[in-house]
Amino acid sequence: MKSYQIMDSYYLTEQTRKKDREYLDIVSNYIKYYHKRADGYRNWYLALSTIKLVALSVIPVMQASEWLSGFPWIAAVASSGCLFVESVTGLFHMRDKWHLYRSVENRLMSEERQYASKKGTYFHDKKRFHTFVENVEHIINEEGLEWKQMMKKAQEQKGG
């Protein structure tokens, strides 16, 4: 009977380890997802902001230049382009989303490192995996709430 109990506890331990690995893979995929989203929004935001800054800095030069004085529409196009770029970055909340995704990514990576190294809240925790799952799910839930807040704020600004 004793060997059966040992075998049963070994089996449960192996099953638990497998579930732990599966969840760690899920967390790793979340981190990759947030990293990809953060980088995408950062790249778009920085590229569009650079275009806007270049166009804004060129407008006064174009107006002061004698050889472009016959083409006032060029300054109008550059100004309209800046307005368009600013509208797009504001409409899609590129900067806010970049920061939100980066923040969630960093929090998940920190949680994962603390869990793996048994540091912080995981140091003496007997149910550290359960604590880890709760913390990760809390971080992801908070991201959803922050997203909703961002959209609500945008709606309020739009309506009022």
Protein backbone atom coordinates (compact mmCIF):
# COMPACT_ATOMS: atom_id res chain seq x y z
CA MET A 1 0.00 0.00 0.00
CA LYS A 2 2.83 2.36 0.79
CA SER A 3 4.36 1.96 -2.71
CA TYR A 4 0.94 2.75 -4.22
CA GLN A 5 0.78 5.99 -2.24
CA ILE A 6 4.29 6.91 -3.36
CA MET A 7 3.41 6.08 -6.96
CA ASP A 8 0.16 8.06 -6.70
CA SER A 9 1.91 11.11 -5.24
CA TYR A 10 4.59 10.84 -7.94
CA TYR A 11 1.89 10.76 -10.62
CA LEU A 12 0.13 13.77 -9.10
CA THR A 13 3.43 15.61 -8.90
CA GLU A 14 4.16 14.85 -12.56
CA GLN A 15 0.67 15.98 -13.55
CA THR A 16 1.11 19.14 -11.50
CA ARG A 17 4.47 19.82 -13.11
CA LYS A 18 2.95 19.34 -16.55
CA LYS A 19 0.16 21.81 -15.73
CA ASP A 20 2.74 24.25 -14.33
CA ARG A 21 4.75 24.03 -17.56
CA GLU A 22 1.61 24.47 -19.65
CA TYR A 23 0.64 27.58 -17.72
CA LEU A 24 4.19 28.93 -17.90
CA ASP A 25 3.97 28.47 -21.68
CA ILE A 26 0.71 30.41 -21.68
CA VAL A 27 2.34 33.22 -19.68
CA SER A 28 5.29 33.19 -22.09
CA ASN A 29 2.86 33.57 -25.00
CA TYR A 30 1.16 36.47 -23.22
CA ILE A 31 4.54 38.15 -22.79
CA LYS A 32 5.31 37.67 -26.50
CA TYR A 33 1.88 39.03 -27.43
CA TYR A 34 2.25 42.17 -25.29
CA HIS A 35 5.82 42.66 -26.52
CA LYS A 36 4.71 42.47 -30.15
CA ARG A 37 1.80 44.86 -29.56
CA ALA A 38 3.96 47.32 -27.61
CA ASP A 39 6.66 47.31 -30.31
CA GLY A 40 4.09 47.75 -33.06
CA TYR A 41 2.45 50.75 -31.41
CA ARG A 42 5.85 52.22 -30.49
CA ASN A 43 7.13 51.90 -34.06
CA TRP A 44 4.01 53.44 -35.57
CA TYR A 45 3.92 56.24 -32.99
CA LEU A 46 7.59 57.11 -33.44
CA ALA A 47 7.45 56.92 -37.25
CA LEU A 48 4.36 59.11 -37.50
CA SER A 49 5.69 61.56 -34.92
CA THR A 50 8.96 61.84 -36.86
CA ILE A 51 7.05 62.55 -40.08
CA LYS A 52 5.02 65.19 -38.27
CA LEU A 53 8.12 66.86 -36.80
CA VAL A 54 9.91 66.92 -40.14
CA ALA A 55 6.89 68.41 -41.88
CA LEU A 56 6.42 71.01 -39.14
CA SER A 57 10.06 72.05 -39.29
CA VAL A 58 10.00 72.32 -43.09
CA ILE A 59 6.92 74.58 -43.28
CA PRO A 60 8.66 77.80 -42.08
CA VAL A 61 11.64 77.09 -44.33
CA MET A 62 9.34 76.65 -47.32
CA GLN A 63 7.53 79.89 -46.58
CA ALA A 64 10.78 81.83 -46.19
CA SER A 65 12.31 80.33 -49.30
CA GLU A 66 12.06 82.51 -52.40
CA TRP A 67 12.14 79.61 -54.85
CA LEU A 68 9.05 78.01 -53.19
CA SER A 69 7.09 81.25 -52.86
CA GLY A 70 5.18 80.41 -56.03
CA PHE A 71 3.95 77.13 -54.52
CA PRO A 72 1.96 77.98 -51.36
CA TRP A 73 0.06 74.72 -51.68
CA ILE A 74 3.19 72.81 -50.56
CA ALA A 75 2.99 74.41 -47.09
CA ALA A 76 -0.76 73.69 -47.01
CA VAL A 77 -0.16 70.03 -47.86
CA ALA A 78 2.55 69.74 -45.19
CA SER A 79 0.26 71.37 -42.61
CA SER A 80 -2.61 69.09 -43.56
CA GLY A 81 -0.29 66.09 -43.33
CA CYS A 82 0.68 67.09 -39.78
CA LEU A 83 -2.96 67.45 -38.83
CA PHE A 84 -3.70 64.03 -40.33
CA VAL A 85 -0.79 62.35 -38.51
CA GLU A 86 -1.77 63.93 -35.20
CA SER A 87 -5.37 62.80 -35.70
CA VAL A 88 -4.33 59.22 -36.48
CA THR A 89 -2.03 58.92 -33.46
CA GLY A 90 -4.75 60.39 -31.24
CA LEU A 91 -7.58 58.34 -32.74
CA PHE A 92 -5.76 55.05 -32.24
CA HIS A 93 -4.24 56.10 -28.87
CA MET A 94 -0.89 54.86 -30.11
CA ARG A 95 1.22 56.32 -27.32
CA ASP A 96 -1.17 55.20 -24.56
CA LYS A 97 -1.44 51.68 -25.97
CA TRP A 98 2.33 51.45 -26.38
CA HIS A 99 2.81 52.34 -22.71
CA LEU A 100 -0.04 50.08 -21.54
CA TYR A 101 1.25 47.04 -23.43
CA ARG A 102 4.84 47.67 -22.35
CA SER A 103 3.74 47.99 -18.73
CA VAL A 104 1.79 44.72 -18.81
CA GLU A 105 4.69 42.96 -20.52
CA ASN A 106 7.13 44.17 -17.87
CA ARG A 107 4.81 43.20 -15.02
CA LEU A 108 4.32 39.69 -16.45
CA MET A 109 8.06 39.23 -16.98
CA SER A 110 8.75 40.36 -13.42
CA GLU A 111 6.13 37.98 -12.05
CA GLU A 112 7.53 35.12 -14.11
CA ARG A 113 11.11 35.80 -12.93
CA GLN A 114 10.05 36.04 -9.28
CA TYR A 115 8.14 32.76 -9.58
CA ALA A 116 11.01 30.96 -11.31
CA SER A 117 13.60 32.18 -8.81
CA LYS A 118 11.31 31.77 -5.75
CA LYS A 119 11.80 35.42 -4.78
CA GLY A 120 9.44 38.04 -3.39
CA THR A 121 5.98 36.69 -2.56
CA TYR A 122 7.05 33.22 -3.73
CA PHE A 123 9.90 32.81 -1.24
CA HIS A 124 8.09 30.85 1.49
CA ASP A 125 4.80 30.25 -0.28
CA LYS A 126 3.69 26.60 -0.15
CA LYS A 127 1.11 27.25 -2.87
CA ARG A 128 3.35 29.43 -4.97
CA PHE A 129 1.95 28.17 -8.29
CA HIS A 130 -1.58 29.12 -7.25
CA THR A 131 -0.30 32.53 -6.13
CA PHE A 132 1.51 32.90 -9.45
CA VAL A 133 -1.65 32.09 -11.43
CA GLU A 134 -3.69 34.55 -9.36
CA ASN A 135 -1.10 37.30 -9.83
CA VAL A 136 -0.84 36.74 -13.59
CA GLU A 137 -4.61 36.67 -14.02
CA HIS A 138 -4.87 39.85 -11.93
CA ILE A 139 -2.32 41.61 -14.17
CA ILE A 140 -4.19 40.58 -17.32
CA ASN A 141 -7.54 41.57 -15.81
CA GLU A 142 -6.13 44.98 -14.84
CA GLU A 143 -4.98 45.49 -18.44
CA GLY A 144 -8.55 44.89 -19.62
CA LEU A 145 -9.86 47.39 -17.07
CA GLU A 146 -7.25 49.98 -18.08
CA TRP A 147 -8.20 49.43 -21.72
CA LYS A 148 -11.88 50.06 -20.89
CA GLN A 149 -10.95 53.19 -18.95
CA MET A 150 -8.92 54.45 -21.90
CA MET A 151 -11.84 53.91 -24.28
CA LYS A 152 -14.32 55.49 -21.85
CA LYS A 153 -12.08 58.54 -21.47
CA ALA A 154 -11.80 58.82 -25.25
CA GLN A 155 -15.59 58.67 -25.59
CA GLU A 156 -16.02 61.37 -22.92
CA GLN A 157 -13.51 63.62 -24.68
CA LYS A 158 -15.22 63.00 -27.99
CA GLY A 159 -18.70 63.71 -26.63
CA GLY A 160 -17.94 66.56 -24.34
